[in-house]
Protein backbone atom coordinates (compact mmCIF):
# COMPACT_ATOMS: atom_id res chain seq x y z
CA UNK A 1 0.00 0.00 0.01
CA UNK A 2 1.44 3.27 -1.06
CA UNK A 3 2.11 5.89 1.61
CA UNK A 4 0.41 9.24 1.13
CA UNK A 5 3.30 11.66 0.15
CA UNK A 6 1.70 14.45 2.09
CA UNK A 7 1.72 12.44 5.22
CA UNK A 8 5.33 11.60 4.73
CA UNK A 9 6.33 15.33 4.42
CA UNK A 10 4.63 16.60 7.60
CA UNK A 11 7.19 15.32 10.10
CA UNK A 12 9.96 17.02 8.09
CA UNK A 13 8.01 20.25 7.88
CA UNK A 14 7.42 20.24 11.60
CA UNK A 15 11.14 19.64 12.16
CA UNK A 16 12.10 22.56 9.91
CA UNK A 17 9.59 24.81 11.67
CA UNK A 18 11.03 23.98 15.04
CA UNK A 19 14.58 24.77 13.74
CA UNK A 20 13.47 28.11 12.34
CA UNK A 21 11.75 28.99 15.56
CA UNK A 22 14.87 28.07 17.52
CA UNK A 23 17.08 30.15 15.30
CA UNK A 24 14.76 33.16 15.71
CA UNK A 25 14.82 32.76 19.47
CA UNK A 26 18.64 32.50 19.50
CA UNK A 27 18.92 35.53 17.22
CA UNK A 28 16.58 37.54 19.42
CA UNK A 29 18.53 36.59 22.55
CA UNK A 30 21.81 37.54 20.88
CA UNK A 31 20.42 40.88 19.73
CA UNK A 32 19.15 41.71 23.17
CA UNK A 33 22.51 40.69 24.68
CA UNK A 34 24.45 42.87 22.29
CA UNK A 35 22.18 45.82 23.03
CA UNK A 36 22.52 45.29 26.78
CA UNK A 37 26.26 44.98 26.46
CA UNK A 38 26.48 48.23 24.51
CA UNK A 39 24.35 50.04 27.01
CA UNK A 40 26.50 48.76 29.84
CA UNK A 41 29.61 50.13 28.21
CA UNK A 42 27.93 53.50 27.48
CA UNK A 43 26.89 53.98 31.07
CA UNK A 44 30.51 53.49 32.17
CA UNK A 45 31.85 56.20 29.90
CA UNK A 46 33.05 59.37 31.80
CA UNK A 47 30.40 62.04 32.12
CA UNK A 48 27.51 59.77 30.93
CA UNK A 49 24.69 59.19 33.32
CA UNK A 50 22.11 57.04 31.66
CA UNK A 51 18.90 56.54 33.65
CA UNK A 52 17.21 53.27 34.22
CA UNK A 53 15.82 52.12 30.95
CA UNK A 54 19.04 52.82 29.07
CA UNK A 55 17.82 55.95 27.26
CA UNK A 56 19.99 59.02 27.66
CA UNK A 57 18.18 62.28 28.33
CA UNK A 58 18.35 65.07 25.76
CA UNK A 59 21.80 66.81 25.83
CA UNK A 60 20.40 70.07 27.11
CA UNK A 61 19.03 68.42 30.28
CA UNK A 62 22.49 67.22 31.34
CA UNK A 63 23.67 70.68 32.43
CA UNK A 64 21.50 72.47 35.02
CA UNK A 65 20.50 76.04 34.17
CA UNK A 66 22.17 77.26 37.34
CA UNK A 67 25.62 76.38 35.99
CA UNK A 68 25.38 79.01 33.23
CA UNK A 69 27.55 82.10 34.20
CA UNK A 70 25.71 85.43 33.96
CA UNK A 71 28.05 88.41 33.16
CA UNK A 72 28.45 90.93 36.00
CA UNK A 73 26.93 94.32 35.20
CA UNK A 74 29.40 97.14 34.53
CA UNK A 75 29.96 99.28 37.66
CA UNK A 76 28.57 102.80 37.57
CA UNK A 77 31.29 105.46 37.03
CA UNK A 78 32.17 107.24 40.28
CA UNK A 79 33.28 110.83 40.89
CA UNK A 80 37.00 111.45 41.32
CA UNK A 81 37.75 113.45 44.49
CA UNK A 82 41.09 115.15 45.16
CA UNK A 83 41.71 116.88 48.48
CA UNK A 84 44.65 119.21 49.16
CA UNK A 85 45.72 119.97 52.72
CA UNK A 86 46.71 123.63 52.68
CA UNK A 87 48.34 125.83 55.34
CA UNK A 88 49.12 129.55 55.53
CA UNK A 89 51.49 131.21 57.98
CA UNK A 90 51.76 134.86 59.00
CA UNK A 91 54.66 137.31 59.19
CA UNK A 92 58.17 135.83 59.14
CA UNK A 93 59.77 139.02 60.48
CA UNK A 94 63.51 138.59 60.98
CA UNK A 95 64.95 141.03 63.52
CA UNK A 96 68.67 141.27 64.40
CA UNK A 97 68.54 138.84 67.39
CA UNK A 98 67.22 136.14 65.11
CA UNK A 99 69.87 136.36 62.36
CA UNK A 100 72.63 136.91 64.93
CA UNK A 101 71.71 133.72 66.74
CA UNK A 102 71.55 131.95 63.36
CA UNK A 103 75.13 133.09 62.68
CA UNK A 104 76.33 131.83 66.06
CA UNK A 105 74.66 128.43 65.54
CA UNK A 106 76.29 127.91 62.14
CA UNK A 107 79.91 128.48 63.25
CA UNK A 108 82.51 130.37 61.26
CA UNK A 109 81.78 129.21 57.69
CA UNK A 110 79.80 132.33 56.78
CA UNK A 111 76.42 130.62 56.70
CA UNK A 112 73.45 130.97 59.05
CA UNK A 113 71.44 128.24 60.74
CA UNK A 114 67.80 129.19 61.15
CA UNK A 115 66.48 125.62 61.51
CA UNK A 116 66.32 125.96 65.30
CA UNK A 117 63.61 128.66 64.88
CA UNK A 118 61.24 126.37 62.97
CA UNK A 119 62.00 122.88 64.33
CA UNK A 120 58.82 122.67 66.45
CA UNK A 121 56.60 123.57 63.42
CA UNK A 122 58.31 121.43 60.76
CA UNK A 123 56.48 118.18 61.70
CA UNK A 124 53.17 119.98 61.26
CA UNK A 125 54.18 121.30 57.83
CA UNK A 126 55.13 117.75 56.80
CA UNK A 127 51.50 116.75 57.23
CA UNK A 128 50.28 119.33 54.73
CA UNK A 129 50.36 119.21 50.93
CA UNK A 130 50.99 122.94 50.52
CA UNK A 131 52.53 125.45 52.96
CA UNK A 132 52.25 129.21 52.26
CA UNK A 133 54.03 131.98 54.20
CA UNK A 134 54.31 135.77 54.23
CA UNK A 135 58.07 136.41 53.96
CA UNK A 136 58.04 139.85 55.52
CA UNK A 137 61.70 140.66 54.90
CA UNK A 138 63.87 140.59 51.77
CA UNK A 139 66.04 137.50 51.45
CA UNK A 140 69.33 137.41 49.57
CA UNK A 141 72.85 135.99 49.58
CA UNK A 142 74.49 139.32 48.70
CA UNK A 143 73.05 142.08 50.91
CA UNK A 144 74.29 142.54 54.44
CA UNK A 145 71.78 141.61 57.13
CA UNK A 146 69.85 144.49 58.68
CA UNK A 147 66.95 145.00 61.04
CA UNK A 148 64.13 147.49 61.65
CA UNK A 149 63.20 149.80 59.98
CA UNK A 150 64.71 148.56 56.71
CA UNK A 151 65.13 144.80 56.76
CA UNK A 152 67.50 142.49 54.93
CA UNK A 153 67.69 138.81 55.78
CA UNK A 154 70.24 136.12 54.89
CA UNK A 155 68.98 133.70 52.24
CA UNK A 156 69.68 130.83 54.65
CA UNK A 157 66.46 131.81 56.43
CA UNK A 158 64.35 130.95 53.38
CA UNK A 159 66.37 127.76 52.88
CA UNK A 160 65.53 126.72 56.45
CA UNK A 161 61.86 127.34 55.76
CA UNK A 162 62.17 125.27 52.63
CA UNK A 163 63.68 122.40 54.63
CA UNK A 164 60.82 122.80 57.11
CA UNK A 165 58.32 122.28 54.28
CA UNK A 166 57.31 125.73 52.99
CA UNK A 167 57.00 126.00 49.23
CA UNK A 168 54.94 129.15 48.57
CA UNK A 169 56.38 132.55 49.57
CA UNK A 170 54.40 135.78 49.41
CA UNK A 171 56.79 138.72 48.79
CA UNK A 172 54.40 141.70 48.68
CA UNK A 173 54.41 143.69 51.92
CA UNK A 174 55.32 147.06 53.41
CA UNK A 175 59.04 146.09 53.54
CA UNK A 176 59.46 144.99 49.93
CA UNK A 177 61.10 148.27 48.87
CA UNK A 178 63.27 148.61 52.02
CA UNK A 179 66.56 148.34 50.12
CA UNK A 180 65.56 150.14 46.94
CA UNK A 181 66.64 148.89 43.53
CA UNK A 182 69.59 146.88 44.88
CA UNK A 183 67.27 145.08 47.28
CA UNK A 184 64.84 144.14 44.53
CA UNK A 185 67.64 142.89 42.29
CA UNK A 186 69.25 140.87 45.09
CA UNK A 187 66.00 139.21 46.21
CA UNK A 188 65.01 138.35 42.61
CA UNK A 189 68.43 136.71 42.10
CA UNK A 190 68.01 134.76 45.32
CA UNK A 191 64.55 133.40 44.57
CA UNK A 192 65.66 132.37 41.09
CA UNK A 193 68.34 130.22 42.75
CA UNK A 194 65.83 128.30 44.87
CA UNK A 195 64.56 124.82 43.84
CA UNK A 196 62.05 124.63 41.00
CA UNK A 197 59.17 123.60 43.27
CA UNK A 198 59.30 127.00 45.05
CA UNK A 199 56.54 129.41 44.11
CA UNK A 200 56.80 133.16 44.76
CA UNK A 201 54.09 135.75 44.29
CA UNK A 202 53.75 139.48 44.74
CA UNK A 203 56.66 140.85 42.64
CA UNK A 204 56.01 141.71 39.00
CA UNK A 205 58.31 142.74 36.17
CA UNK A 206 56.14 145.69 35.14
CA UNK A 207 52.65 145.84 33.64
CA UNK A 208 53.58 143.48 30.81
CA UNK A 209 54.06 140.80 33.48
CA UNK A 210 50.66 141.18 35.14
CA UNK A 211 49.04 138.38 33.15
CA UNK A 212 51.65 135.85 34.27
CA UNK A 213 49.76 134.24 37.12
CA UNK A 214 51.88 132.02 39.45
CA UNK A 215 50.43 128.50 39.37
CA UNK A 216 51.11 125.34 41.32
CA UNK A 217 49.62 121.89 40.53
CA UNK A 218 49.46 119.30 43.36
CA UNK A 219 47.82 115.91 42.87
CA UNK A 220 45.88 117.13 39.86
CA UNK A 221 44.64 120.31 41.61
CA UNK A 222 45.87 123.64 40.26
CA UNK A 223 46.18 126.66 42.62
CA UNK A 224 46.83 130.26 41.55
CA UNK A 225 48.65 132.66 43.90
CA UNK A 226 48.40 136.45 44.05
CA UNK A 227 49.60 138.96 46.67
CA UNK A 228 49.03 142.67 47.25
CA UNK A 229 50.02 145.30 49.86
CA UNK A 230 48.39 148.48 51.08
CA UNK A 231 51.67 150.45 51.18
CA UNK A 232 55.48 150.22 51.24
CA UNK A 233 56.24 152.53 54.20
CA UNK A 234 56.30 155.58 51.94
CA UNK A 235 59.07 154.17 49.72
CA UNK A 236 57.96 154.36 46.09
CA UNK A 237 59.12 152.35 43.12
CA UNK A 238 61.90 154.01 41.16
CA UNK A 239 62.97 153.55 37.55
CA UNK A 240 65.95 151.36 38.54
CA UNK A 241 63.76 148.73 40.21
CA UNK A 242 63.36 145.66 37.98
CA UNK A 243 60.20 144.50 39.74
CA UNK A 244 57.29 146.07 41.61
CA UNK A 245 54.43 145.32 43.95
CA UNK A 246 50.75 145.98 43.20
CA UNK A 247 48.96 148.14 45.78
CA UNK A 248 45.47 147.34 47.10
CA UNK A 249 44.34 150.69 45.69
CA UNK A 250 44.92 149.35 42.14
CA UNK A 251 41.60 147.56 42.13
CA UNK A 252 41.33 147.47 38.31
CA UNK A 253 44.60 145.56 38.07
CA UNK A 254 43.65 143.28 40.94
CA UNK A 255 40.25 142.46 39.47
CA UNK A 256 41.83 141.60 36.12
CA UNK A 257 44.40 139.35 37.73
CA UNK A 258 41.93 137.54 40.00
CA UNK A 259 39.51 136.94 37.15
CA UNK A 260 42.33 135.61 34.94
CA UNK A 261 43.51 133.36 37.76
CA UNK A 262 39.97 132.04 38.14
CA UNK A 263 40.07 130.93 34.49
CA UNK A 264 43.43 129.17 34.86
CA UNK A 265 43.16 127.40 38.20
CA UNK A 266 40.86 125.28 40.32
CA UNK A 267 41.50 127.51 43.37
CA UNK A 268 42.68 131.09 43.77
CA UNK A 269 44.62 132.05 46.91
CA UNK A 270 45.18 135.77 47.52
CA UNK A 271 47.51 137.23 50.16
CA UNK A 272 46.75 140.80 51.30
CA UNK A 273 49.02 142.91 53.46
CA UNK A 274 46.47 145.29 55.03
CA UNK A 275 44.88 146.64 58.19
CA UNK A 276 46.08 148.60 61.19
CA UNK A 277 49.27 147.53 62.93
CA UNK A 278 48.87 146.22 66.49
CA UNK A 279 45.05 146.31 66.25
CA UNK A 280 42.74 143.32 66.51
CA UNK A 281 39.93 145.35 64.92
CA UNK A 282 39.03 144.69 61.28
CA UNK A 283 38.46 147.91 59.39
CA UNK A 284 35.92 148.61 56.64
CA UNK A 285 38.52 148.73 53.86
CA UNK A 286 39.54 145.16 54.66
CA UNK A 287 35.93 143.95 54.56
CA UNK A 288 35.21 145.72 51.27
CA UNK A 289 38.31 144.38 49.50
CA UNK A 290 37.72 140.89 50.84
CA UNK A 291 34.21 140.79 49.46
CA UNK A 292 35.42 142.17 46.10
CA UNK A 293 38.17 139.55 45.91
CA UNK A 294 35.62 136.81 46.57
CA UNK A 295 33.26 138.20 43.90
CA UNK A 296 36.10 138.39 41.37
CA UNK A 297 37.10 134.75 41.97
CA UNK A 298 39.23 134.35 45.12
CA UNK A 299 38.63 131.19 47.14
CA UNK A 300 41.00 131.85 50.06
CA UNK A 301 42.12 135.32 51.27
CA UNK A 302 45.09 135.37 53.71
CA UNK A 303 45.54 138.58 55.63
CA UNK A 304 48.87 139.73 57.14
CA UNK A 305 50.53 142.94 58.46
CA UNK A 306 48.82 143.91 61.74
CA UNK A 307 51.36 141.72 63.70
CA UNK A 308 48.48 140.55 65.89
CA UNK A 309 45.53 138.20 65.42
CA UNK A 310 42.31 139.25 63.69
CA UNK A 311 39.25 137.05 63.18
CA UNK A 312 38.18 135.05 60.14
CA UNK A 313 34.89 134.45 58.34
CA UNK A 314 33.10 132.86 55.42
CA UNK A 315 32.09 135.06 52.48
CA UNK A 316 29.47 134.33 49.80
CA UNK A 317 30.74 135.30 46.36
CA UNK A 318 28.61 136.78 43.59
CA UNK A 319 28.49 133.41 41.83
CA UNK A 320 27.38 131.63 44.97
CA UNK A 321 30.75 130.13 45.93
CA UNK A 322 31.89 130.15 49.53
CA UNK A 323 35.21 131.94 50.04
CA UNK A 324 37.20 132.09 53.28
CA UNK A 325 39.11 135.08 54.68
CA UNK A 326 41.51 135.17 57.63
CA UNK A 327 41.96 138.91 58.22
CA UNK A 328 45.30 138.64 60.09
CA UNK A 329 47.39 135.63 61.07
CA UNK A 330 49.65 137.81 63.22
CA UNK A 331 53.39 137.24 63.64
CA UNK A 332 54.97 133.86 63.08
CA UNK A 333 58.53 134.69 64.08
CA UNK A 334 59.83 138.01 65.42
CA UNK A 335 61.36 139.63 68.47
CA UNK A 336 58.62 142.21 68.99
CA UNK A 337 57.99 143.03 72.59
CA UNK A 338 54.24 143.01 73.36
CA UNK A 339 52.38 139.87 74.41
CA UNK A 340 49.79 140.18 71.62
CA UNK A 341 52.58 140.44 69.05
CA UNK A 342 53.91 137.06 70.19
CA UNK A 343 50.68 135.18 69.52
CA UNK A 344 49.93 134.25 65.89
CA UNK A 345 48.10 131.49 64.04
CA UNK A 346 48.60 129.07 61.19
CA UNK A 347 45.55 128.60 58.99
CA UNK A 348 44.73 125.16 57.68
CA UNK A 349 41.94 124.12 55.32
CA UNK A 350 41.11 121.60 52.62
CA UNK A 351 40.84 122.40 48.91
CA UNK A 352 38.58 119.72 47.48
CA UNK A 353 38.10 119.14 43.77
CA UNK A 354 35.39 116.71 42.62
CA UNK A 355 35.23 115.64 38.97
CA UNK A 356 31.98 113.97 37.95
CA UNK A 357 31.86 111.16 35.32
CA UNK A 358 30.33 113.63 32.85
CA UNK A 359 33.40 115.87 33.22
CA UNK A 360 31.80 118.61 35.36
CA UNK A 361 34.00 119.91 38.21
CA UNK A 362 33.10 121.24 41.63
CA UNK A 363 35.67 122.96 43.87
CA UNK A 364 35.10 123.61 47.57
CA UNK A 365 36.99 125.13 50.50
CA UNK A 366 36.45 122.94 53.57
CA UNK A 367 37.24 122.76 57.31
CA UNK A 368 39.18 125.99 57.96
CA UNK A 369 40.95 126.11 61.33
CA UNK A 370 43.31 128.55 62.99
CA UNK A 371 46.04 126.95 65.12
CA UNK A 372 47.54 129.50 67.57
CA UNK A 373 51.31 129.79 67.78
CA UNK A 374 53.65 131.43 70.31
CA UNK A 375 56.95 133.07 69.48
CA UNK A 376 59.23 132.28 72.42
CA UNK A 377 62.55 133.82 73.40
CA UNK A 378 64.59 133.66 76.52
CA UNK A 379 66.08 136.62 78.46
CA UNK A 380 67.73 139.19 76.23
CA UNK A 381 65.68 137.94 73.23
CA UNK A 382 67.92 134.89 72.91
CA UNK A 383 67.08 131.42 71.53
CA UNK A 384 64.12 132.64 69.48
CA UNK A 385 61.78 129.88 68.20
CA UNK A 386 58.09 129.28 67.60
CA UNK A 387 55.74 126.70 69.19
CA UNK A 388 52.16 125.75 68.68
CA UNK A 389 50.10 126.89 71.65
CA UNK A 390 48.99 123.23 72.06
CA UNK A 391 52.65 122.36 72.74
CA UNK A 392 53.45 125.37 74.88
CA UNK A 393 53.82 124.97 78.68
CA UNK A 394 53.53 126.94 81.88
CA UNK A 395 57.25 126.49 82.36
CA UNK A 396 58.06 128.04 78.97
CA UNK A 397 55.70 130.95 79.60
CA UNK A 398 57.31 131.57 82.98
CA UNK A 399 60.75 131.72 81.34
CA UNK A 400 59.74 133.98 78.41
CA UNK A 401 61.95 137.06 77.98
CA UNK A 402 58.89 139.28 77.51
CA UNK A 403 58.17 138.95 81.25
CA UNK A 404 60.90 141.54 81.86
CA UNK A 405 58.28 144.12 80.81
CA UNK A 406 55.05 142.10 81.14
CA UNK A 407 55.18 140.07 84.34
CA UNK A 408 51.64 138.83 83.80
CA UNK A 409 52.60 136.98 80.64
CA UNK A 410 51.39 133.42 81.14
CA UNK A 411 49.86 130.46 79.39
CA UNK A 412 46.43 131.63 80.51
CA UNK A 413 46.99 135.08 78.98
CA UNK A 414 48.14 133.55 75.70
CA UNK A 415 45.00 131.43 75.51
CA UNK A 416 42.78 134.41 76.22
CA UNK A 417 44.45 136.40 73.38
CA UNK A 418 43.58 133.57 71.00
CA UNK A 419 40.05 133.01 72.31
CA UNK A 420 39.19 136.73 72.33
CA UNK A 421 40.16 137.26 68.70
CA UNK A 422 39.31 134.06 66.86
CA UNK A 423 35.76 132.70 66.53
CA UNK A 424 35.20 129.46 68.37
CA UNK A 425 34.13 127.72 65.17
CA UNK A 426 37.60 128.26 63.63
CA UNK A 427 39.88 128.11 66.71
CA UNK A 428 41.89 124.92 67.17
CA UNK A 429 43.40 124.88 70.65
CA UNK A 430 44.47 121.24 70.64
């Protein structure tokens, strides 16, 4: 009996089907294994953090937003502020006892040593940026020394002041013409020999020189200096004099100079030799000129000549600025013989320049103070030197040579002279 061919093929077909199924299963297992292996290697790569399920997150989710650096905003421009510490000192009046002691201290080499006179003030000058003084007497290396009424002072005196820290010397006062044409020539020659950082004001080479304003720049702040005098003790300029002063009566010249200085400098400092000698009273002519100077452009007005203290005050200029005037700083160094002539003051203040980011500039005078000083000498007007009142003692006052004629001279009297003539708001006793 023949076997049905279809029946004979079925077992073979079933066998082939089982083999194909097995191969598919094996292939699927291998595929899954390969994928798993690849994912295992991926997760071990540096910086890859694949979550469960083997699917990496989108790239942008790997870095948190907080890790992105935000640029710092540009800082707002700030004003630039420059502040100059300024001092002004009264009459440096060199009588014979002073230059004679200077000659003895220097020995026999022909020079003079004046440093002893200023050694107690020099540390204070070192704390300032600018120190101004009224040099009451002519200085030179060629004229013989002389005393009242027509003064001549060895140039070593000015050199000692320079070593002490003074850089600005006012030369316009009632003794400028004391030695006539030869005195003017000698003092001009001397000041030309001084270091380049010295500034002098008050002597002019004729009218053609009036527009040459002395200027000094310190830490980016420019200061103009002018000086005038009421008189020259009746001695007039002669044709042989190569320089001249400007009198306070020449208001047209003064106004022109002050206005020109205002255009060229941040601050204008004007020295004025005025007032009544040995009087604490401020006269109308001083007040009128002071206000005019402020209106024309002066920021600081330094008064000298009375040889005693006079008060100070703020002035309001025509343009709204505040100007400051000290009407008399009194004597700084001398051998005058009255108690009030032995008490002076050094003015200090701040000259502040503020430059805004837009380029605008504001200039202000700030914190004026008057620091009383005492000229001390021993018996016979020996060992002349100057102290700050804050450093002066009862023992020194008791030993002062002036007590030969004023037995009541004391520390208390000195303090009262200062307190009675300087407003409390400006007086610095410590």
